[in-house]
């Protein structure tokens, strides 16, 4: 599935999106300001580009399972101030960032099958 970022401006009230099993990057969705929940499992994601303080301001649940997320990319998620649930299942992780405690609101972290 190809996401055309310019067209996302028409979905400003969208609170949840499921784009599992595609080739979508998290950064492509940052214009969707009302998102509370994102499912990007099976999206072949390895790296997450820098996210700003004002990207995904309402995001609480992020599913990045079954990708190849690197520990360095996990650090890019620290700016997600409202993130409560992060699913990193099956990402072939062998280490986590030493400063993972910087997730301010995280309540649930799934690291199974790594």
N, C-alpha and C. Protein backbone atom coordinates (compact mmCIF):
# COMPACT_ATOMS: atom_id res chain seq x y z
N UNK A 1 0.84 -1.18 0.00
CA UNK A 1 0.00 0.00 0.00
C UNK A 1 0.87 1.24 0.00
N UNK A 2 0.54 2.16 -0.84
CA UNK A 2 1.29 3.40 -0.89
C UNK A 2 0.51 4.48 -0.15
N UNK A 3 1.16 5.14 0.78
CA UNK A 3 0.54 6.23 1.52
C UNK A 3 1.02 7.54 0.91
N UNK A 4 0.07 8.33 0.48
CA UNK A 4 0.40 9.64 -0.08
C UNK A 4 0.17 10.65 1.02
N UNK A 5 1.27 11.13 1.58
CA UNK A 5 1.21 11.97 2.78
C UNK A 5 0.35 13.21 2.59
N UNK A 6 0.36 13.80 1.41
CA UNK A 6 -0.43 15.00 1.17
C UNK A 6 -1.92 14.73 1.32
N UNK A 7 -2.37 13.51 1.00
CA UNK A 7 -3.78 13.16 1.08
C UNK A 7 -4.25 12.91 2.51
N UNK A 8 -3.32 12.74 3.43
CA UNK A 8 -3.70 12.46 4.81
C UNK A 8 -4.36 13.65 5.49
N UNK A 9 -4.20 14.83 4.94
CA UNK A 9 -4.81 16.02 5.53
C UNK A 9 -6.33 15.93 5.55
N UNK A 10 -6.90 15.03 4.77
CA UNK A 10 -8.36 14.87 4.73
C UNK A 10 -8.88 14.00 5.87
N UNK A 11 -8.00 13.44 6.69
CA UNK A 11 -8.40 12.52 7.75
C UNK A 11 -8.00 13.03 9.13
N UNK A 12 -8.21 14.28 9.39
CA UNK A 12 -7.73 14.90 10.62
C UNK A 12 -8.44 14.43 11.89
N UNK A 13 -9.61 13.81 11.78
CA UNK A 13 -10.32 13.32 12.95
C UNK A 13 -10.08 11.85 13.22
N UNK A 14 -9.26 11.22 12.43
CA UNK A 14 -8.97 9.80 12.58
C UNK A 14 -8.24 9.54 13.90
N UNK A 15 -8.79 8.65 14.74
CA UNK A 15 -8.17 8.39 16.04
C UNK A 15 -7.41 7.07 16.06
N UNK A 16 -7.76 6.14 15.18
CA UNK A 16 -7.06 4.84 15.12
C UNK A 16 -6.86 4.45 13.67
N UNK A 17 -5.71 3.82 13.41
CA UNK A 17 -5.43 3.37 12.06
C UNK A 17 -4.68 2.04 12.12
N UNK A 18 -5.10 1.11 11.29
CA UNK A 18 -4.48 -0.21 11.21
C UNK A 18 -3.91 -0.37 9.81
N UNK A 19 -2.60 -0.30 9.71
CA UNK A 19 -1.91 -0.44 8.43
C UNK A 19 -0.98 -1.65 8.46
N UNK A 20 -1.39 -2.68 9.17
CA UNK A 20 -0.58 -3.89 9.30
C UNK A 20 -0.32 -4.52 7.93
N UNK A 21 0.86 -5.12 7.82
CA UNK A 21 1.26 -5.88 6.63
C UNK A 21 1.30 -5.02 5.37
N UNK A 22 1.99 -3.92 5.46
CA UNK A 22 2.20 -3.01 4.33
C UNK A 22 3.67 -2.61 4.31
N UNK A 23 3.95 -1.51 3.68
CA UNK A 23 5.30 -0.93 3.68
C UNK A 23 5.20 0.53 4.10
N UNK A 24 4.53 0.76 5.21
CA UNK A 24 4.29 2.12 5.69
C UNK A 24 5.25 2.42 6.83
N UNK A 25 5.79 3.62 6.82
CA UNK A 25 6.68 4.08 7.90
C UNK A 25 5.89 4.97 8.85
N UNK A 26 6.25 4.95 10.09
CA UNK A 26 5.59 5.76 11.10
C UNK A 26 5.61 7.24 10.73
N UNK A 27 6.71 7.72 10.24
CA UNK A 27 6.86 9.13 9.91
C UNK A 27 5.84 9.61 8.88
N UNK A 28 5.38 8.71 8.03
CA UNK A 28 4.41 9.08 7.00
C UNK A 28 3.06 9.48 7.59
N UNK A 29 2.82 9.14 8.84
CA UNK A 29 1.52 9.38 9.46
C UNK A 29 1.50 10.59 10.38
N UNK A 30 2.60 11.30 10.51
CA UNK A 30 2.67 12.34 11.53
C UNK A 30 1.77 13.54 11.26
N UNK A 31 1.18 13.65 10.10
CA UNK A 31 0.21 14.72 9.84
C UNK A 31 -1.18 14.39 10.36
N UNK A 32 -1.37 13.17 10.83
CA UNK A 32 -2.65 12.77 11.41
C UNK A 32 -2.61 13.10 12.90
N UNK A 33 -3.01 14.29 13.23
CA UNK A 33 -2.82 14.85 14.58
C UNK A 33 -3.71 14.23 15.66
N UNK A 34 -4.79 13.55 15.29
CA UNK A 34 -5.72 13.01 16.28
C UNK A 34 -5.49 11.53 16.60
N UNK A 35 -4.48 10.92 16.01
CA UNK A 35 -4.27 9.49 16.23
C UNK A 35 -3.96 9.17 17.69
N UNK A 36 -4.69 8.19 18.20
CA UNK A 36 -4.49 7.68 19.55
C UNK A 36 -3.89 6.28 19.48
N UNK A 37 -4.18 5.57 18.38
CA UNK A 37 -3.72 4.19 18.22
C UNK A 37 -3.25 3.95 16.80
N UNK A 38 -2.05 3.34 16.68
CA UNK A 38 -1.48 3.00 15.37
C UNK A 38 -1.02 1.54 15.41
N UNK A 39 -1.41 0.79 14.39
CA UNK A 39 -0.93 -0.58 14.22
C UNK A 39 -0.10 -0.64 12.94
N UNK A 40 1.21 -0.86 13.11
CA UNK A 40 2.13 -0.98 11.98
C UNK A 40 2.89 -2.30 12.02
N UNK A 41 2.25 -3.34 12.53
CA UNK A 41 2.95 -4.63 12.56
C UNK A 41 3.15 -5.15 11.14
N UNK A 42 4.21 -5.91 10.94
CA UNK A 42 4.55 -6.48 9.63
C UNK A 42 4.71 -5.40 8.55
N UNK A 43 5.44 -4.35 8.83
CA UNK A 43 5.64 -3.29 7.85
C UNK A 43 7.09 -3.14 7.40
N UNK A 44 7.92 -4.08 7.72
CA UNK A 44 9.32 -4.06 7.28
C UNK A 44 10.05 -2.81 7.76
N UNK A 45 9.69 -2.33 8.94
CA UNK A 45 10.31 -1.12 9.49
C UNK A 45 11.58 -1.49 10.23
N UNK A 46 12.66 -0.84 9.91
CA UNK A 46 13.93 -1.04 10.60
C UNK A 46 14.30 0.22 11.39
N UNK A 47 14.22 1.34 10.70
CA UNK A 47 14.59 2.61 11.33
C UNK A 47 13.39 3.55 11.41
N UNK A 48 13.38 4.32 12.48
CA UNK A 48 12.39 5.37 12.64
C UNK A 48 13.15 6.69 12.61
N UNK A 49 12.75 7.53 11.70
CA UNK A 49 13.40 8.84 11.58
C UNK A 49 13.01 9.70 12.77
N UNK A 50 13.71 10.75 12.96
CA UNK A 50 13.50 11.65 14.09
C UNK A 50 12.06 12.15 14.17
N UNK A 51 11.50 12.04 15.35
CA UNK A 51 10.16 12.55 15.61
C UNK A 51 10.28 13.78 16.50
N UNK A 52 9.50 14.79 16.20
CA UNK A 52 9.53 16.02 16.99
C UNK A 52 8.58 15.97 18.17
N UNK A 53 8.68 16.96 19.02
CA UNK A 53 7.84 17.04 20.21
C UNK A 53 6.36 17.15 19.88
N UNK A 54 6.05 17.67 18.71
CA UNK A 54 4.66 17.91 18.35
C UNK A 54 4.10 16.85 17.40
N UNK A 55 4.87 15.81 17.13
CA UNK A 55 4.39 14.70 16.31
C UNK A 55 3.65 13.71 17.21
N UNK A 56 2.50 13.27 16.78
CA UNK A 56 1.72 12.25 17.49
C UNK A 56 1.44 12.65 18.95
N UNK A 57 0.99 13.85 19.15
CA UNK A 57 0.78 14.37 20.51
C UNK A 57 -0.27 13.59 21.30
N UNK A 58 -1.18 12.90 20.63
CA UNK A 58 -2.25 12.17 21.33
C UNK A 58 -2.03 10.66 21.35
N UNK A 59 -0.97 10.19 20.72
CA UNK A 59 -0.75 8.76 20.56
C UNK A 59 -0.54 8.05 21.90
N UNK A 60 -1.34 7.01 22.14
CA UNK A 60 -1.26 6.23 23.37
C UNK A 60 -0.84 4.78 23.13
N UNK A 61 -1.18 4.24 21.96
CA UNK A 61 -0.89 2.84 21.66
C UNK A 61 -0.20 2.73 20.31
N UNK A 62 0.96 2.06 20.31
CA UNK A 62 1.73 1.88 19.09
C UNK A 62 2.17 0.43 18.97
N UNK A 63 1.74 -0.22 17.90
CA UNK A 63 2.12 -1.61 17.65
C UNK A 63 3.13 -1.64 16.51
N UNK A 64 4.37 -1.96 16.86
CA UNK A 64 5.45 -2.11 15.87
C UNK A 64 5.96 -3.55 15.85
N UNK A 65 5.13 -4.48 16.22
CA UNK A 65 5.56 -5.88 16.29
C UNK A 65 5.84 -6.44 14.89
N UNK A 66 6.69 -7.46 14.86
CA UNK A 66 7.05 -8.17 13.63
C UNK A 66 7.66 -7.24 12.58
N UNK A 67 8.54 -6.39 13.01
CA UNK A 67 9.35 -5.55 12.13
C UNK A 67 10.80 -5.88 12.45
N UNK A 68 11.69 -4.97 12.24
CA UNK A 68 13.11 -5.14 12.58
C UNK A 68 13.63 -3.87 13.23
N UNK A 69 12.88 -3.36 14.18
CA UNK A 69 13.20 -2.11 14.85
C UNK A 69 14.54 -2.22 15.57
N UNK A 70 15.39 -1.23 15.41
CA UNK A 70 16.69 -1.21 16.08
C UNK A 70 16.57 -0.49 17.43
N UNK A 71 17.47 -0.79 18.37
CA UNK A 71 17.46 -0.06 19.65
C UNK A 71 17.58 1.46 19.45
N UNK A 72 18.35 1.89 18.48
CA UNK A 72 18.49 3.33 18.22
C UNK A 72 17.15 3.93 17.79
N UNK A 73 16.36 3.18 17.05
CA UNK A 73 15.05 3.67 16.62
C UNK A 73 14.06 3.75 17.78
N UNK A 74 14.23 2.89 18.77
CA UNK A 74 13.36 2.96 19.95
C UNK A 74 13.52 4.32 20.62
N UNK A 75 14.73 4.84 20.63
CA UNK A 75 15.00 6.16 21.22
C UNK A 75 14.21 7.27 20.53
N UNK A 76 13.94 7.10 19.24
CA UNK A 76 13.18 8.11 18.51
C UNK A 76 11.75 8.22 19.02
N UNK A 77 11.29 7.20 19.74
CA UNK A 77 9.92 7.18 20.25
C UNK A 77 9.77 7.90 21.58
N UNK A 78 10.86 8.31 22.19
CA UNK A 78 10.81 8.98 23.49
C UNK A 78 9.99 10.26 23.47
N UNK A 79 9.90 10.91 22.33
CA UNK A 79 9.12 12.14 22.22
C UNK A 79 7.61 11.90 22.24
N UNK A 80 7.20 10.64 22.19
CA UNK A 80 5.77 10.32 22.24
C UNK A 80 5.33 10.37 23.70
N UNK A 81 5.02 11.55 24.17
CA UNK A 81 4.80 11.82 25.60
C UNK A 81 3.60 11.11 26.20
N UNK A 82 2.60 10.78 25.41
CA UNK A 82 1.40 10.12 25.94
C UNK A 82 1.40 8.61 25.71
N UNK A 83 2.46 8.08 25.13
CA UNK A 83 2.50 6.66 24.79
C UNK A 83 2.40 5.79 26.05
N UNK A 84 1.35 4.96 26.10
CA UNK A 84 1.12 4.07 27.24
C UNK A 84 1.44 2.62 26.91
N UNK A 85 1.18 2.22 25.66
CA UNK A 85 1.37 0.83 25.26
C UNK A 85 2.25 0.79 24.02
N UNK A 86 3.36 0.05 24.12
CA UNK A 86 4.28 -0.13 23.00
C UNK A 86 4.52 -1.61 22.79
N UNK A 87 4.20 -2.09 21.60
CA UNK A 87 4.38 -3.50 21.26
C UNK A 87 5.57 -3.63 20.32
N UNK A 88 6.63 -4.24 20.83
CA UNK A 88 7.84 -4.49 20.05
C UNK A 88 8.10 -5.99 19.91
N UNK A 89 7.07 -6.76 19.98
CA UNK A 89 7.18 -8.22 19.87
C UNK A 89 7.83 -8.60 18.54
N UNK A 90 8.71 -9.59 18.60
CA UNK A 90 9.31 -10.20 17.40
C UNK A 90 10.02 -9.19 16.50
N UNK A 91 10.92 -8.42 17.08
CA UNK A 91 11.73 -7.48 16.32
C UNK A 91 13.21 -7.87 16.30
N UNK A 92 13.53 -9.05 16.76
CA UNK A 92 14.91 -9.53 16.81
C UNK A 92 15.80 -8.64 17.68
N UNK A 93 15.22 -8.05 18.71
CA UNK A 93 15.98 -7.21 19.62
C UNK A 93 16.80 -8.07 20.57
N UNK A 94 18.06 -7.73 20.74
CA UNK A 94 18.89 -8.42 21.74
C UNK A 94 19.28 -7.48 22.86
N UNK A 95 19.13 -6.18 22.62
CA UNK A 95 19.37 -5.17 23.66
C UNK A 95 18.30 -4.08 23.55
N UNK A 96 18.21 -3.33 24.62
CA UNK A 96 17.34 -2.16 24.65
C UNK A 96 18.20 -0.95 24.96
N UNK A 97 17.75 0.23 24.61
CA UNK A 97 18.52 1.42 24.98
C UNK A 97 18.65 1.50 26.50
N UNK A 98 19.80 1.89 26.98
CA UNK A 98 20.03 2.00 28.42
C UNK A 98 19.11 3.03 29.07
N UNK A 99 18.68 4.01 28.29
CA UNK A 99 17.84 5.08 28.83
C UNK A 99 16.35 4.88 28.53
N UNK A 100 15.94 3.63 28.41
CA UNK A 100 14.54 3.32 28.08
C UNK A 100 13.57 3.88 29.12
N UNK A 101 14.04 4.17 30.29
CA UNK A 101 13.20 4.76 31.34
C UNK A 101 12.69 6.15 30.95
N UNK A 102 13.21 6.71 29.86
CA UNK A 102 12.79 8.04 29.42
C UNK A 102 11.39 8.06 28.80
N UNK A 103 10.79 6.90 28.63
CA UNK A 103 9.38 6.86 28.22
C UNK A 103 8.57 7.38 29.40
N UNK A 104 8.00 8.56 29.27
CA UNK A 104 7.33 9.23 30.38
C UNK A 104 6.06 8.55 30.87
N UNK A 105 5.23 8.06 29.96
CA UNK A 105 3.92 7.54 30.33
C UNK A 105 3.74 6.06 30.09
N UNK A 106 4.79 5.38 29.64
CA UNK A 106 4.66 3.97 29.26
C UNK A 106 4.21 3.10 30.43
N UNK A 107 3.15 2.32 30.18
CA UNK A 107 2.60 1.41 31.17
C UNK A 107 2.75 -0.05 30.76
N UNK A 108 2.78 -0.28 29.44
CA UNK A 108 2.86 -1.66 28.94
C UNK A 108 3.87 -1.72 27.79
N UNK A 109 4.82 -2.65 27.91
CA UNK A 109 5.85 -2.84 26.88
C UNK A 109 5.93 -4.33 26.59
N UNK A 110 5.60 -4.71 25.36
CA UNK A 110 5.64 -6.11 24.96
C UNK A 110 6.94 -6.36 24.21
N UNK A 111 7.79 -7.21 24.79
CA UNK A 111 9.07 -7.57 24.19
C UNK A 111 9.17 -9.07 23.92
N UNK A 112 8.05 -9.75 23.85
CA UNK A 112 8.08 -11.20 23.67
C UNK A 112 8.62 -11.57 22.28
N UNK A 113 9.15 -12.74 22.21
CA UNK A 113 9.67 -13.33 20.95
C UNK A 113 10.79 -12.51 20.31
N UNK A 114 11.65 -11.95 21.12
CA UNK A 114 12.82 -11.24 20.61
C UNK A 114 14.07 -12.08 20.87
